[in-house]
Full PDB file with SEQRES, HELIX, SHEET, SSBOND, CRYST1, ORIGX, SCALE, CONECT and MASTER records, all heavy atoms in Angstrom:
SEQRES   1 A   32  THR ALA VAL TYR TYR CYS ALA SER ALA VAL ASN CYS GLN          
SEQRES   2 A   32  VAL ALA GLN ASP ASP PHE GLY SER TRP GLY GLN GLY THR          
SEQRES   3 A   32  GLN VAL THR VAL SER SER                                      
HELIX    1 AA1 GLN A   16  ASP A   18  5                                   3    
SHEET    1 AA1 2 ALA A   2  TYR A   4  0                                        
SHEET    2 AA1 2 THR A  26  VAL A  28 -1                                        
CRYST1    1.000    1.000    1.000  90.00  90.00  90.00 P 1           1          
ORIGX1      1.000000  0.000000  0.000000        0.00000                         
ORIGX2      0.000000  1.000000  0.000000        0.00000                         
ORIGX3      0.000000  0.000000  1.000000        0.00000                         
SCALE1      1.000000  0.000000  0.000000        0.00000                         
SCALE2      0.000000  1.000000  0.000000        0.00000                         
SCALE3      0.000000  0.000000  1.000000        0.00000                         
ATOM      1  N   THR A   1      -2.880  15.371   4.301  1.00  0.00           N  
ATOM      2  CA  THR A   1      -1.659  14.820   4.875  1.00  0.00           C  
ATOM      3  C   THR A   1      -0.682  14.441   3.774  1.00  0.00           C  
ATOM      4  O   THR A   1      -1.015  13.669   2.867  1.00  0.00           O  
ATOM      5  CB  THR A   1      -1.980  13.597   5.737  1.00  0.00           C  
ATOM      6  OG1 THR A   1      -2.765  14.000   6.867  1.00  0.00           O  
ATOM      7  CG2 THR A   1      -0.706  12.928   6.240  1.00  0.00           C  
ATOM      8  N   ALA A   2       0.523  14.978   3.838  1.00  0.00           N  
ATOM      9  CA  ALA A   2       1.526  14.748   2.805  1.00  0.00           C  
ATOM     10  C   ALA A   2       2.812  15.448   3.200  1.00  0.00           C  
ATOM     11  O   ALA A   2       2.834  16.263   4.133  1.00  0.00           O  
ATOM     12  CB  ALA A   2       1.049  15.276   1.449  1.00  0.00           C  
ATOM     13  N   VAL A   3       3.870  15.128   2.473  1.00  0.00           N  
ATOM     14  CA  VAL A   3       5.075  15.939   2.515  1.00  0.00           C  
ATOM     15  C   VAL A   3       4.908  17.032   1.473  1.00  0.00           C  
ATOM     16  O   VAL A   3       4.623  16.745   0.305  1.00  0.00           O  
ATOM     17  CB  VAL A   3       6.341  15.117   2.238  1.00  0.00           C  
ATOM     18  CG1 VAL A   3       7.571  16.017   2.237  1.00  0.00           C  
ATOM     19  CG2 VAL A   3       6.495  14.016   3.275  1.00  0.00           C  
ATOM     20  N   TYR A   4       5.066  18.271   1.880  1.00  0.00           N  
ATOM     21  CA  TYR A   4       4.882  19.414   1.001  1.00  0.00           C  
ATOM     22  C   TYR A   4       6.231  19.947   0.559  1.00  0.00           C  
ATOM     23  O   TYR A   4       7.135  20.151   1.375  1.00  0.00           O  
ATOM     24  CB  TYR A   4       4.084  20.515   1.708  1.00  0.00           C  
ATOM     25  CG  TYR A   4       2.601  20.221   1.777  1.00  0.00           C  
ATOM     26  CD1 TYR A   4       2.119  19.219   2.606  1.00  0.00           C  
ATOM     27  CD2 TYR A   4       1.687  20.932   0.999  1.00  0.00           C  
ATOM     28  CE1 TYR A   4       0.765  18.931   2.657  1.00  0.00           C  
ATOM     29  CE2 TYR A   4       0.337  20.647   1.054  1.00  0.00           C  
ATOM     30  CZ  TYR A   4      -0.130  19.650   1.884  1.00  0.00           C  
ATOM     31  OH  TYR A   4      -1.478  19.367   1.937  1.00  0.00           O  
ATOM     32  N   TYR A   5       6.361  20.183  -0.737  1.00  0.00           N  
ATOM     33  CA  TYR A   5       7.583  20.674  -1.346  1.00  0.00           C  
ATOM     34  C   TYR A   5       7.312  21.965  -2.101  1.00  0.00           C  
ATOM     35  O   TYR A   5       6.216  22.180  -2.612  1.00  0.00           O  
ATOM     36  CB  TYR A   5       8.143  19.664  -2.353  1.00  0.00           C  
ATOM     37  CG  TYR A   5       8.471  18.303  -1.804  1.00  0.00           C  
ATOM     38  CD1 TYR A   5       7.518  17.293  -1.787  1.00  0.00           C  
ATOM     39  CD2 TYR A   5       9.741  18.019  -1.318  1.00  0.00           C  
ATOM     40  CE1 TYR A   5       7.817  16.034  -1.297  1.00  0.00           C  
ATOM     41  CE2 TYR A   5      10.047  16.765  -0.832  1.00  0.00           C  
ATOM     42  CZ  TYR A   5       9.081  15.772  -0.825  1.00  0.00           C  
ATOM     43  OH  TYR A   5       9.383  14.523  -0.340  1.00  0.00           O  
ATOM     44  N   CYS A   6       8.314  22.805  -2.201  1.00  0.00           N  
ATOM     45  CA  CYS A   6       8.266  23.929  -3.118  1.00  0.00           C  
ATOM     46  C   CYS A   6       9.367  23.785  -4.154  1.00  0.00           C  
ATOM     47  O   CYS A   6      10.391  23.127  -3.919  1.00  0.00           O  
ATOM     48  CB  CYS A   6       8.363  25.280  -2.397  1.00  0.00           C  
ATOM     49  SG  CYS A   6       9.884  25.588  -1.473  1.00  0.00           S  
ATOM     50  N   ALA A   7       9.146  24.360  -5.319  1.00  0.00           N  
ATOM     51  CA  ALA A   7      10.093  24.296  -6.415  1.00  0.00           C  
ATOM     52  C   ALA A   7       9.889  25.509  -7.315  1.00  0.00           C  
ATOM     53  O   ALA A   7       8.853  26.177  -7.252  1.00  0.00           O  
ATOM     54  CB  ALA A   7       9.919  23.001  -7.210  1.00  0.00           C  
ATOM     55  N   SER A   8      10.870  25.779  -8.163  1.00  0.00           N  
ATOM     56  CA  SER A   8      10.837  26.956  -9.019  1.00  0.00           C  
ATOM     57  C   SER A   8      10.746  26.566 -10.481  1.00  0.00           C  
ATOM     58  O   SER A   8      11.171  25.487 -10.891  1.00  0.00           O  
ATOM     59  CB  SER A   8      12.074  27.826  -8.779  1.00  0.00           C  
ATOM     60  OG  SER A   8      13.253  27.131  -9.147  1.00  0.00           O  
ATOM     61  N   ALA A   9      10.197  27.465 -11.267  1.00  0.00           N  
ATOM     62  CA  ALA A   9      10.087  27.284 -12.710  1.00  0.00           C  
ATOM     63  C   ALA A   9      10.037  28.653 -13.371  1.00  0.00           C  
ATOM     64  O   ALA A   9       9.886  29.676 -12.702  1.00  0.00           O  
ATOM     65  CB  ALA A   9       8.849  26.465 -13.074  1.00  0.00           C  
ATOM     66  N   VAL A  10      10.147  28.673 -14.693  1.00  0.00           N  
ATOM     67  CA  VAL A  10      10.093  29.940 -15.404  1.00  0.00           C  
ATOM     68  C   VAL A  10       8.698  30.538 -15.360  1.00  0.00           C  
ATOM     69  O   VAL A  10       8.543  31.758 -15.413  1.00  0.00           O  
ATOM     70  CB  VAL A  10      10.586  29.796 -16.862  1.00  0.00           C  
ATOM     71  CG1 VAL A  10      12.052  29.412 -16.884  1.00  0.00           C  
ATOM     72  CG2 VAL A  10       9.757  28.763 -17.613  1.00  0.00           C  
ATOM     73  N   ASN A  11       7.664  29.700 -15.271  1.00  0.00           N  
ATOM     74  CA  ASN A  11       6.296  30.156 -15.113  1.00  0.00           C  
ATOM     75  C   ASN A  11       5.469  29.001 -14.582  1.00  0.00           C  
ATOM     76  O   ASN A  11       5.943  27.866 -14.488  1.00  0.00           O  
ATOM     77  CB  ASN A  11       5.713  30.721 -16.421  1.00  0.00           C  
ATOM     78  CG  ASN A  11       5.711  29.727 -17.562  1.00  0.00           C  
ATOM     79  OD1 ASN A  11       5.050  28.694 -17.486  1.00  0.00           O  
ATOM     80  ND2 ASN A  11       6.453  30.031 -18.619  1.00  0.00           N  
ATOM     81  N   CYS A  12       4.223  29.281 -14.243  1.00  0.00           N  
ATOM     82  CA  CYS A  12       3.359  28.269 -13.647  1.00  0.00           C  
ATOM     83  C   CYS A  12       2.763  27.304 -14.651  1.00  0.00           C  
ATOM     84  O   CYS A  12       2.114  26.331 -14.250  1.00  0.00           O  
ATOM     85  CB  CYS A  12       2.225  28.935 -12.867  1.00  0.00           C  
ATOM     86  SG  CYS A  12       2.736  29.732 -11.328  1.00  0.00           S  
ATOM     87  N   GLN A  13       2.942  27.556 -15.936  1.00  0.00           N  
ATOM     88  CA  GLN A  13       2.327  26.722 -16.962  1.00  0.00           C  
ATOM     89  C   GLN A  13       3.168  25.518 -17.357  1.00  0.00           C  
ATOM     90  O   GLN A  13       2.694  24.653 -18.094  1.00  0.00           O  
ATOM     91  CB  GLN A  13       2.023  27.560 -18.207  1.00  0.00           C  
ATOM     92  CG  GLN A  13       0.805  28.477 -18.067  1.00  0.00           C  
ATOM     93  CD  GLN A  13       1.021  29.602 -17.076  1.00  0.00           C  
ATOM     94  OE1 GLN A  13       1.996  30.339 -17.163  1.00  0.00           O  
ATOM     95  NE2 GLN A  13       0.101  29.735 -16.126  1.00  0.00           N  
ATOM     96  N   VAL A  14       4.396  25.423 -16.874  1.00  0.00           N  
ATOM     97  CA  VAL A  14       5.263  24.309 -17.251  1.00  0.00           C  
ATOM     98  C   VAL A  14       4.848  23.056 -16.509  1.00  0.00           C  
ATOM     99  O   VAL A  14       4.159  23.098 -15.482  1.00  0.00           O  
ATOM    100  CB  VAL A  14       6.745  24.634 -16.999  1.00  0.00           C  
ATOM    101  CG1 VAL A  14       7.146  25.917 -17.705  1.00  0.00           C  
ATOM    102  CG2 VAL A  14       7.026  24.730 -15.502  1.00  0.00           C  
ATOM    103  N   ALA A  15       5.278  21.920 -17.040  1.00  0.00           N  
ATOM    104  CA  ALA A  15       4.992  20.644 -16.410  1.00  0.00           C  
ATOM    105  C   ALA A  15       5.750  20.509 -15.101  1.00  0.00           C  
ATOM    106  O   ALA A  15       6.762  21.174 -14.871  1.00  0.00           O  
ATOM    107  CB  ALA A  15       5.350  19.494 -17.350  1.00  0.00           C  
ATOM    108  N   GLN A  16       5.276  19.626 -14.250  1.00  0.00           N  
ATOM    109  CA  GLN A  16       5.902  19.412 -12.955  1.00  0.00           C  
ATOM    110  C   GLN A  16       7.379  19.053 -13.090  1.00  0.00           C  
ATOM    111  O   GLN A  16       8.211  19.510 -12.296  1.00  0.00           O  
ATOM    112  CB  GLN A  16       5.155  18.309 -12.197  1.00  0.00           C  
ATOM    113  CG  GLN A  16       5.716  18.013 -10.820  1.00  0.00           C  
ATOM    114  CD  GLN A  16       4.909  16.971 -10.076  1.00  0.00           C  
ATOM    115  OE1 GLN A  16       5.463  16.239  -9.241  1.00  0.00           O  
ATOM    116  NE2 GLN A  16       3.609  16.898 -10.340  1.00  0.00           N  
ATOM    117  N   ASP A  17       7.707  18.263 -14.106  1.00  0.00           N  
ATOM    118  CA  ASP A  17       9.092  17.849 -14.304  1.00  0.00           C  
ATOM    119  C   ASP A  17       9.998  19.001 -14.701  1.00  0.00           C  
ATOM    120  O   ASP A  17      11.229  18.859 -14.644  1.00  0.00           O  
ATOM    121  CB  ASP A  17       9.176  16.746 -15.357  1.00  0.00           C  
ATOM    122  CG  ASP A  17       8.665  15.416 -14.860  1.00  0.00           C  
ATOM    123  OD1 ASP A  17       8.450  15.282 -13.633  1.00  0.00           O  
ATOM    124  OD2 ASP A  17       8.479  14.505 -15.677  1.00  0.00           O  
ATOM    125  N   ASP A  18       9.436  20.126 -15.099  1.00  0.00           N  
ATOM    126  CA  ASP A  18      10.227  21.291 -15.471  1.00  0.00           C  
ATOM    127  C   ASP A  18      10.431  22.247 -14.305  1.00  0.00           C  
ATOM    128  O   ASP A  18      11.071  23.289 -14.477  1.00  0.00           O  
ATOM    129  CB  ASP A  18       9.575  22.020 -16.646  1.00  0.00           C  
ATOM    130  CG  ASP A  18       9.684  21.243 -17.943  1.00  0.00           C  
ATOM    131  OD1 ASP A  18      10.704  20.558 -18.135  1.00  0.00           O  
ATOM    132  OD2 ASP A  18       8.759  21.321 -18.771  1.00  0.00           O  
ATOM    133  N   PHE A  19       9.884  21.930 -13.149  1.00  0.00           N  
ATOM    134  CA  PHE A  19      10.239  22.635 -11.930  1.00  0.00           C  
ATOM    135  C   PHE A  19      11.563  22.087 -11.403  1.00  0.00           C  
ATOM    136  O   PHE A  19      11.873  20.907 -11.569  1.00  0.00           O  
ATOM    137  CB  PHE A  19       9.150  22.483 -10.861  1.00  0.00           C  
ATOM    138  CG  PHE A  19       7.966  23.388 -11.054  1.00  0.00           C  
ATOM    139  CD1 PHE A  19       6.992  23.098 -11.984  1.00  0.00           C  
ATOM    140  CD2 PHE A  19       7.831  24.533 -10.285  1.00  0.00           C  
ATOM    141  CE1 PHE A  19       5.902  23.929 -12.168  1.00  0.00           C  
ATOM    142  CE2 PHE A  19       6.737  25.371 -10.457  1.00  0.00           C  
ATOM    143  CZ  PHE A  19       5.773  25.071 -11.397  1.00  0.00           C  
ATOM    144  N   GLY A  20      12.318  22.939 -10.758  1.00  0.00           N  
ATOM    145  CA  GLY A  20      13.604  22.535 -10.228  1.00  0.00           C  
ATOM    146  C   GLY A  20      13.883  23.173  -8.889  1.00  0.00           C  
ATOM    147  O   GLY A  20      13.031  23.827  -8.291  1.00  0.00           O  
ATOM    148  N   SER A  21      15.097  22.970  -8.418  1.00  0.00           N  
ATOM    149  CA  SER A  21      15.544  23.491  -7.127  1.00  0.00           C  
ATOM    150  C   SER A  21      14.599  23.090  -6.007  1.00  0.00           C  
ATOM    151  O   SER A  21      14.250  23.892  -5.132  1.00  0.00           O  
ATOM    152  CB  SER A  21      15.698  25.021  -7.181  1.00  0.00           C  
ATOM    153  OG  SER A  21      16.666  25.404  -8.134  1.00  0.00           O  
ATOM    154  N   TRP A  22      14.188  21.840  -6.021  1.00  0.00           N  
ATOM    155  CA  TRP A  22      13.250  21.324  -5.033  1.00  0.00           C  
ATOM    156  C   TRP A  22      13.814  21.425  -3.623  1.00  0.00           C  
ATOM    157  O   TRP A  22      14.994  21.133  -3.384  1.00  0.00           O  
ATOM    158  CB  TRP A  22      12.919  19.862  -5.336  1.00  0.00           C  
ATOM    159  CG  TRP A  22      12.150  19.684  -6.597  1.00  0.00           C  
ATOM    160  CD1 TRP A  22      12.656  19.567  -7.856  1.00  0.00           C  
ATOM    161  CD2 TRP A  22      10.731  19.600  -6.724  1.00  0.00           C  
ATOM    162  NE1 TRP A  22      11.635  19.419  -8.768  1.00  0.00           N  
ATOM    163  CE2 TRP A  22      10.449  19.429  -8.104  1.00  0.00           C  
ATOM    164  CE3 TRP A  22       9.682  19.642  -5.819  1.00  0.00           C  
ATOM    165  CZ2 TRP A  22       9.150  19.307  -8.584  1.00  0.00           C  
ATOM    166  CZ3 TRP A  22       8.386  19.527  -6.298  1.00  0.00           C  
ATOM    167  CH2 TRP A  22       8.131  19.359  -7.666  1.00  0.00           C  
ATOM    168  N   GLY A  23      12.966  21.832  -2.705  1.00  0.00           N  
ATOM    169  CA  GLY A  23      13.348  21.849  -1.308  1.00  0.00           C  
ATOM    170  C   GLY A  23      13.322  20.459  -0.714  1.00  0.00           C  
ATOM    171  O   GLY A  23      13.030  19.459  -1.389  1.00  0.00           O  
ATOM    172  N   GLN A  24      13.619  20.389   0.572  1.00  0.00           N  
ATOM    173  CA  GLN A  24      13.692  19.093   1.251  1.00  0.00           C  
ATOM    174  C   GLN A  24      12.327  18.577   1.682  1.00  0.00           C  
ATOM    175  O   GLN A  24      12.190  17.400   2.020  1.00  0.00           O  
ATOM    176  CB  GLN A  24      14.620  19.195   2.464  1.00  0.00           C  
ATOM    177  CG  GLN A  24      13.981  19.735   3.740  1.00  0.00           C  
ATOM    178  CD  GLN A  24      13.668  21.222   3.691  1.00  0.00           C  
ATOM    179  OE1 GLN A  24      14.109  21.944   2.794  1.00  0.00           O  
ATOM    180  NE2 GLN A  24      12.910  21.690   4.671  1.00  0.00           N  
ATOM    181  N   GLY A  25      11.334  19.433   1.685  1.00  0.00           N  
ATOM    182  CA  GLY A  25       9.990  19.059   2.068  1.00  0.00           C  
ATOM    183  C   GLY A  25       9.720  19.286   3.542  1.00  0.00           C  
ATOM    184  O   GLY A  25      10.626  19.271   4.374  1.00  0.00           O  
ATOM    185  N   THR A  26       8.446  19.492   3.862  1.00  0.00           N  
ATOM    186  CA  THR A  26       8.015  19.622   5.244  1.00  0.00           C  
ATOM    187  C   THR A  26       6.751  18.793   5.430  1.00  0.00           C  
ATOM    188  O   THR A  26       5.847  18.821   4.597  1.00  0.00           O  
ATOM    189  CB  THR A  26       7.789  21.098   5.631  1.00  0.00           C  
ATOM    190  OG1 THR A  26       7.486  21.201   7.025  1.00  0.00           O  
ATOM    191  CG2 THR A  26       6.666  21.732   4.819  1.00  0.00           C  
ATOM    192  N   GLN A  27       6.700  18.026   6.508  1.00  0.00           N  
ATOM    193  CA  GLN A  27       5.608  17.091   6.741  1.00  0.00           C  
ATOM    194  C   GLN A  27       4.399  17.804   7.313  1.00  0.00           C  
ATOM    195  O   GLN A  27       4.495  18.544   8.301  1.00  0.00           O  
ATOM    196  CB  GLN A  27       6.053  15.987   7.704  1.00  0.00           C  
ATOM    197  CG  GLN A  27       4.949  14.998   8.080  1.00  0.00           C  
ATOM    198  CD  GLN A  27       4.560  14.096   6.934  1.00  0.00           C  
ATOM    199  OE1 GLN A  27       5.430  13.485   6.299  1.00  0.00           O  
ATOM    200  NE2 GLN A  27       3.251  13.993   6.667  1.00  0.00           N  
ATOM    201  N   VAL A  28       3.249  17.562   6.699  1.00  0.00           N  
ATOM    202  CA  VAL A  28       1.967  18.032   7.206  1.00  0.00           C  
ATOM    203  C   VAL A  28       1.113  16.807   7.507  1.00  0.00           C  
ATOM    204  O   VAL A  28       0.878  15.980   6.623  1.00  0.00           O  
ATOM    205  CB  VAL A  28       1.243  18.946   6.200  1.00  0.00           C  
ATOM    206  CG1 VAL A  28      -0.173  19.260   6.675  1.00  0.00           C  
ATOM    207  CG2 VAL A  28       2.032  20.229   5.993  1.00  0.00           C  
ATOM    208  N   THR A  29       0.665  16.687   8.739  1.00  0.00           N  
ATOM    209  CA  THR A  29      -0.179  15.576   9.145  1.00  0.00           C  
ATOM    210  C   THR A  29      -1.459  16.133   9.748  1.00  0.00           C  
ATOM    211  O   THR A  29      -1.416  16.925  10.689  1.00  0.00           O  
ATOM    212  CB  THR A  29       0.535  14.672  10.164  1.00  0.00           C  
ATOM    213  OG1 THR A  29       1.760  14.188   9.606  1.00  0.00           O  
ATOM    214  CG2 THR A  29      -0.346  13.489  10.535  1.00  0.00           C  
ATOM    215  N   VAL A  30      -2.594  15.711   9.208  1.00  0.00           N  
ATOM    216  CA  VAL A  30      -3.900  16.173   9.664  1.00  0.00           C  
ATOM    217  C   VAL A  30      -4.651  14.981  10.229  1.00  0.00           C  
ATOM    218  O   VAL A  30      -4.922  14.013   9.517  1.00  0.00           O  
ATOM    219  CB  VAL A  30      -4.705  16.824   8.532  1.00  0.00           C  
ATOM    220  CG1 VAL A  30      -6.019  17.386   9.076  1.00  0.00           C  
ATOM    221  CG2 VAL A  30      -3.891  17.923   7.858  1.00  0.00           C  
ATOM    222  N   SER A  31      -4.976  15.032  11.494  1.00  0.00           N  
ATOM    223  CA  SER A  31      -5.682  13.947  12.152  1.00  0.00           C  
ATOM    224  C   SER A  31      -7.184  14.175  12.068  1.00  0.00           C  
ATOM    225  O   SER A  31      -7.670  15.308  12.061  1.00  0.00           O  
ATOM    226  CB  SER A  31      -5.249  13.823  13.609  1.00  0.00           C  
ATOM    227  OG  SER A  31      -5.546  15.008  14.339  1.00  0.00           O  
ATOM    228  N   SER A  32      -7.938  13.079  12.029  1.00  0.00           N  
ATOM    229  CA  SER A  32      -9.388  13.149  11.895  1.00  0.00           C  
ATOM    230  C   SER A  32     -10.078  13.205  13.234  1.00  0.00           C  
ATOM    231  O   SER A  32      -9.494  12.990  14.285  1.00  0.00           O  
ATOM    232  CB  SER A  32      -9.909  11.966  11.088  1.00  0.00           C  
ATOM    233  OG  SER A  32      -9.560  10.747  11.716  1.00  0.00           O  
TER     234      SER A  32                                                      
MASTER        0    0    0    1    2    0    0    6  233    1    0    3          
END                                                                             
């Protein structure tokens, strides 16, 4: 359960802070 975001970077090895163009997010909720 979380808000899921996508973002872009030059490659997958960069730090999270080097990703940009973040989307608005989409809520995923998983009930037990």
